Amino acid sequence: MLALLYTNEDIAKRVSDVLDPQPEIVAIAPAAPAPVVLAEVAATESKSVATPQLAANSKQQQWVTSWLSKRYRVASDAANMLVSTAYMTAHEVKLDPLLILAVMAIESGLNPFAESAMGAKGLMQVMAKVHHDKFEKVGGQKAALDPAANIRVGALILKDYVKRTGSVEGGLKTYVGAADMESDSGYGSKVLAEYKRLKQVARGHNVPTTNPRPLPAPVVVKQGPAITPAETPAAPVNAEAHAAETLATL
């Protein structure tokens, strides 16, 4: 039997396989790489690029919201809604959101239900009857007191006036209805001053929420011209006493 195994390789191999079977080795092909979703990569890259800008805008809005809430005594949630709407609208109409907020502040003090004697309504004091065409796209004239609609229509009107006049100052003068007048009674100056303060707030500066009171004017007491001794007038002369004195000396 041993001789047979040594002399016949096939029989020896079969006996070896029976006594000690070897596991079959299967070649495993390398796993194919997972498919790359271009849309996901693009979204991730876009998000990574936009994140700093979004974070900056979010921080800026927080500063502006907090400042306006304290300055105009508006609940923080309400102020946050108004500021967010102003920023969103400004992005859509291509206008500075801080300018929109400055107009809102001066026009209504951030009161969405404000109404003037002339019929101007809402946050940006828009004349719904005059600008009815712009209100048609946001629900009609009845939407004049809706904050989002009022901000959008007011921003569109302001943008048109700025573009028409070629300057923010001219646009504000037309917005307040003083286009044909020599003066806008200080309206533009008030808006621009608030606009300047809001830009400082948006940069993270500490801006007072109250306007500094002007110093009282010095009190000037008007006095007559000083009289020197040489200029002191002589006492009036009594003619009768002087005549009697003269006769007595004679």
Protein backbone atom coordinates (compact mmCIF):
# COMPACT_ATOMS: atom_id res chain seq x y z
CA MET A 1 0.00 0.00 0.00
CA LEU A 2 2.81 2.37 0.84
CA ALA A 3 4.63 1.45 -2.34
CA LEU A 4 1.51 2.16 -4.33
CA LEU A 5 1.15 5.59 -2.75
CA TYR A 6 4.76 6.48 -3.47
CA THR A 7 4.60 5.28 -7.06
CA ASN A 8 1.19 6.76 -8.02
CA GLU A 9 0.89 10.49 -7.45
CA ASP A 10 -2.82 10.68 -8.33
CA ILE A 11 -3.78 8.05 -5.76
CA ALA A 12 -1.56 9.71 -3.15
CA LYS A 13 -3.23 13.08 -3.80
CA ARG A 14 -6.73 11.60 -3.50
CA VAL A 15 -5.86 9.91 -0.21
CA SER A 16 -4.35 13.15 1.10
CA ASP A 17 -7.48 15.08 0.16
CA VAL A 18 -9.67 12.57 1.96
CA LEU A 19 -7.54 12.58 5.11
CA ASP A 20 -6.90 16.35 5.21
CA PRO A 21 -9.28 18.31 2.98
CA GLN A 22 -8.10 21.86 2.13
CA PRO A 23 -10.59 24.76 1.90
CA GLU A 24 -11.20 26.00 -1.55
CA ILE A 25 -9.56 29.39 -2.21
CA VAL A 26 -11.85 31.71 -4.08
CA ALA A 27 -10.42 34.85 -5.60
CA ILE A 28 -12.38 37.82 -4.35
CA ALA A 29 -12.53 40.72 -6.71
CA PRO A 30 -11.81 44.13 -5.13
CA ALA A 31 -14.97 45.97 -4.15
CA ALA A 32 -15.98 48.68 -6.56
CA PRO A 33 -15.83 52.18 -5.11
CA ALA A 34 -19.15 53.61 -4.01
CA PRO A 35 -20.72 55.81 -6.67
CA VAL A 36 -20.05 59.49 -6.10
CA VAL A 37 -23.16 61.61 -6.06
CA LEU A 38 -22.16 64.87 -7.72
CA ALA A 39 -25.17 66.70 -6.40
CA GLU A 40 -24.24 65.85 -2.82
CA VAL A 41 -20.63 66.92 -3.34
CA ALA A 42 -21.72 70.15 -4.95
CA ALA A 43 -24.19 70.83 -2.15
CA THR A 44 -21.53 70.10 0.46
CA GLU A 45 -18.99 72.38 -1.23
CA SER A 46 -21.58 75.09 -1.69
CA LYS A 47 -22.59 74.80 1.96
CA SER A 48 -18.97 74.99 3.11
CA VAL A 49 -18.45 78.14 1.05
CA ALA A 50 -21.73 79.79 2.05
CA THR A 51 -21.54 78.89 5.74
CA PRO A 52 -19.22 81.79 6.75
CA GLN A 53 -21.41 84.31 4.92
CA LEU A 54 -24.60 82.88 6.42
CA ALA A 55 -23.03 82.90 9.87
CA ALA A 56 -21.97 86.52 9.40
CA ASN A 57 -25.46 87.53 8.27
CA SER A 58 -27.01 85.64 11.18
CA LYS A 59 -24.75 87.36 13.70
CA GLN A 60 -25.37 90.72 12.09
CA GLN A 61 -29.12 90.21 12.26
CA GLN A 62 -28.87 89.27 15.93
CA TRP A 63 -27.06 92.51 16.74
CA VAL A 64 -29.49 94.59 14.70
CA THR A 65 -32.52 92.82 16.19
CA SER A 66 -31.34 93.31 19.76
CA TRP A 67 -30.55 96.99 19.19
CA LEU A 68 -33.85 97.82 17.49
CA SER A 69 -35.79 95.89 20.14
CA LYS A 70 -34.28 98.00 22.89
CA ARG A 71 -34.38 101.30 21.02
CA TYR A 72 -38.04 101.08 19.97
CA ARG A 73 -39.26 98.91 22.86
CA VAL A 74 -40.43 96.09 20.61
CA ALA A 75 -40.65 92.48 21.81
CA SER A 76 -37.58 90.53 20.74
CA ASP A 77 -39.63 87.94 18.82
CA ALA A 78 -41.47 90.66 16.90
CA ALA A 79 -38.24 92.55 16.19
CA ASN A 80 -36.63 89.33 14.97
CA MET A 81 -39.52 88.73 12.57
CA LEU A 82 -39.32 92.28 11.19
CA VAL A 83 -35.54 92.19 10.76
CA SER A 84 -35.63 88.76 9.09
CA THR A 85 -38.35 89.94 6.71
CA ALA A 86 -36.39 93.09 5.88
CA TYR A 87 -33.25 91.08 5.10
CA MET A 88 -35.15 88.59 2.95
CA THR A 89 -36.96 91.37 1.07
CA ALA A 90 -33.75 93.33 0.58
CA HIS A 91 -32.11 90.28 -0.97
CA GLU A 92 -35.01 89.91 -3.41
CA VAL A 93 -35.28 93.56 -4.48
CA LYS A 94 -31.52 94.28 -4.33
CA LEU A 95 -31.58 96.96 -1.64
CA ASP A 96 -29.66 97.42 1.59
CA PRO A 97 -31.70 95.86 4.43
CA LEU A 98 -30.35 98.43 6.88
CA LEU A 99 -31.75 101.25 4.74
CA ILE A 100 -35.15 99.54 4.73
CA LEU A 101 -35.01 99.19 8.51
CA ALA A 102 -33.98 102.84 8.90
CA VAL A 103 -37.02 103.96 6.89
CA MET A 104 -39.27 101.67 8.93
CA ALA A 105 -37.86 103.07 12.17
CA ILE A 106 -38.37 106.72 11.23
CA GLU A 107 -41.70 106.23 9.49
CA SER A 108 -43.52 104.12 12.09
CA GLY A 109 -41.18 103.36 14.99
CA LEU A 110 -41.56 99.68 13.93
CA ASN A 111 -45.32 99.79 14.57
CA PRO A 112 -47.03 97.62 11.89
CA PHE A 113 -50.42 99.21 12.62
CA ALA A 114 -49.35 102.85 12.36
CA GLU A 115 -51.53 105.07 10.19
CA SER A 116 -51.10 108.73 9.36
CA ALA A 117 -53.76 111.38 8.91
CA MET A 118 -53.06 111.29 5.16
CA GLY A 119 -53.79 107.56 4.97
CA ALA A 120 -50.23 106.17 4.93
CA LYS A 121 -50.25 102.76 6.58
CA GLY A 122 -48.00 100.20 8.16
CA LEU A 123 -44.33 99.88 8.92
CA MET A 124 -43.16 101.89 5.91
CA GLN A 125 -46.19 104.21 5.83
CA VAL A 126 -47.23 103.34 2.29
CA MET A 127 -50.17 105.04 0.58
CA ALA A 128 -52.12 101.96 -0.46
CA LYS A 129 -54.48 103.90 -2.73
CA VAL A 130 -51.60 105.50 -4.61
CA HIS A 131 -49.58 102.29 -4.98
CA HIS A 132 -52.48 99.88 -5.44
CA ASP A 133 -50.76 98.27 -8.44
CA LYS A 134 -47.90 97.01 -6.27
CA PHE A 135 -50.28 95.73 -3.61
CA GLU A 136 -52.16 93.62 -6.18
CA LYS A 137 -49.31 91.09 -6.13
CA VAL A 138 -49.38 90.72 -2.34
CA GLY A 139 -53.10 90.52 -1.62
CA GLY A 140 -54.51 93.92 -2.55
CA GLN A 141 -54.84 97.14 -0.57
CA LYS A 142 -56.17 95.27 2.47
CA ALA A 143 -52.66 93.83 2.90
CA ALA A 144 -51.25 97.27 3.69
CA LEU A 145 -51.13 96.40 7.40
CA ASP A 146 -49.54 93.01 6.80
CA PRO A 147 -45.88 93.42 7.82
CA ALA A 148 -44.37 91.30 5.04
CA ALA A 149 -46.52 92.89 2.31
CA ASN A 150 -45.94 96.41 3.62
CA ILE A 151 -42.17 95.95 3.79
CA ARG A 152 -42.02 94.52 0.29
CA VAL A 153 -44.13 97.24 -1.32
CA GLY A 154 -42.32 99.99 0.58
CA ALA A 155 -38.93 98.57 -0.46
CA LEU A 156 -39.98 98.43 -4.11
CA ILE A 157 -41.19 102.04 -3.99
CA LEU A 158 -37.99 103.22 -2.32
CA LYS A 159 -35.85 101.36 -4.85
CA ASP A 160 -37.75 102.94 -7.74
CA TYR A 161 -37.27 106.43 -6.29
CA VAL A 162 -33.57 105.91 -5.60
CA LYS A 163 -33.08 104.64 -9.15
CA ARG A 164 -35.12 107.49 -10.61
CA THR A 165 -33.33 110.27 -8.72
CA GLY A 166 -29.89 108.68 -8.79
CA SER A 167 -29.21 108.96 -5.06
CA VAL A 168 -30.43 107.73 -1.70
CA GLU A 169 -31.03 111.33 -0.59
CA GLY A 170 -33.18 112.04 -3.62
CA GLY A 171 -35.04 108.78 -3.21
CA LEU A 172 -35.87 109.56 0.41
CA LYS A 173 -37.06 113.05 -0.48
CA THR A 174 -39.40 111.61 -3.10
CA TYR A 175 -40.50 108.83 -0.76
CA VAL A 176 -41.71 111.34 1.84
CA GLY A 177 -43.56 113.29 -0.84
CA ALA A 178 -41.26 116.31 -0.99
CA ALA A 179 -39.85 115.80 -4.48
CA ASP A 180 -41.10 119.19 -5.72
CA MET A 181 -40.29 121.04 -2.52
CA GLU A 182 -37.11 122.81 -1.52
CA SER A 183 -36.89 120.93 1.78
CA ASP A 184 -38.11 117.63 3.18
CA SER A 185 -38.25 119.11 6.72
CA GLY A 186 -35.32 117.02 7.88
CA TYR A 187 -36.83 113.64 6.99
CA GLY A 188 -33.87 112.51 4.91
CA SER A 189 -31.37 113.51 7.57
CA LYS A 190 -33.24 111.51 10.21
CA VAL A 191 -33.33 108.38 8.05
CA LEU A 192 -29.66 108.67 7.08
CA ALA A 193 -28.64 109.21 10.72
CA GLU A 194 -30.53 106.05 11.73
CA TYR A 195 -29.04 104.24 8.74
CA LYS A 196 -25.54 105.21 9.91
CA ARG A 197 -26.26 103.95 13.43
CA LEU A 198 -27.58 100.65 12.09
CA LYS A 199 -24.45 100.14 9.99
CA GLN A 200 -22.33 100.62 13.11
CA VAL A 201 -24.51 98.13 15.00
CA ALA A 202 -24.17 95.62 12.14
CA ARG A 203 -20.37 95.86 12.46
CA GLY A 204 -20.60 94.93 16.13
CA HIS A 205 -20.04 98.40 17.55
CA ASN A 206 -21.61 99.46 20.82
CA VAL A 207 -24.15 102.10 19.81
CA PRO A 208 -26.39 103.79 22.43
CA THR A 209 -30.06 102.97 22.04
CA THR A 210 -31.06 106.49 23.04
CA ASN A 211 -30.13 109.70 21.30
CA PRO A 212 -27.89 111.96 23.37
CA ARG A 213 -29.74 115.01 24.61
CA PRO A 214 -28.34 118.28 23.33
CA LEU A 215 -26.68 120.47 25.93
CA PRO A 216 -28.89 123.36 27.06
CA ALA A 217 -28.01 126.66 25.47
CA PRO A 218 -26.22 129.05 27.82
CA VAL A 219 -28.48 131.63 29.38
CA VAL A 220 -27.45 135.13 28.31
CA VAL A 221 -28.60 137.95 30.59
CA LYS A 222 -28.86 141.13 28.65
CA GLN A 223 -27.44 144.10 30.54
CA GLY A 224 -27.35 147.79 29.76
CA PRO A 225 -24.03 149.48 28.97
CA ALA A 226 -21.79 149.97 31.96
CA ILE A 227 -21.77 153.51 33.30
CA THR A 228 -18.44 154.94 34.39
CA PRO A 229 -18.25 157.56 37.18
CA ALA A 230 -17.50 160.28 34.67
CA GLU A 231 -20.64 159.38 32.81
CA THR A 232 -22.84 159.37 35.92
CA PRO A 233 -25.66 161.84 35.23
CA ALA A 234 -26.00 164.81 37.59
CA ALA A 235 -29.01 165.05 39.82
CA PRO A 236 -31.75 167.20 38.38
CA VAL A 237 -31.66 170.83 39.51
CA ASN A 238 -34.67 172.26 41.32
CA ALA A 239 -35.12 175.71 39.75
CA GLU A 240 -37.17 177.20 42.63
CA ALA A 241 -34.74 176.06 45.34
CA HIS A 242 -31.84 177.35 43.31
CA ALA A 243 -33.52 180.81 42.96
CA ALA A 244 -34.29 180.97 46.69
CA GLU A 245 -30.73 180.05 47.51
CA THR A 246 -29.43 182.76 45.19
CA LEU A 247 -31.69 185.50 46.79
CA ALA A 248 -30.55 184.44 50.25
CA THR A 249 -26.95 185.09 49.37
CA LEU A 250 -27.67 188.57 48.12
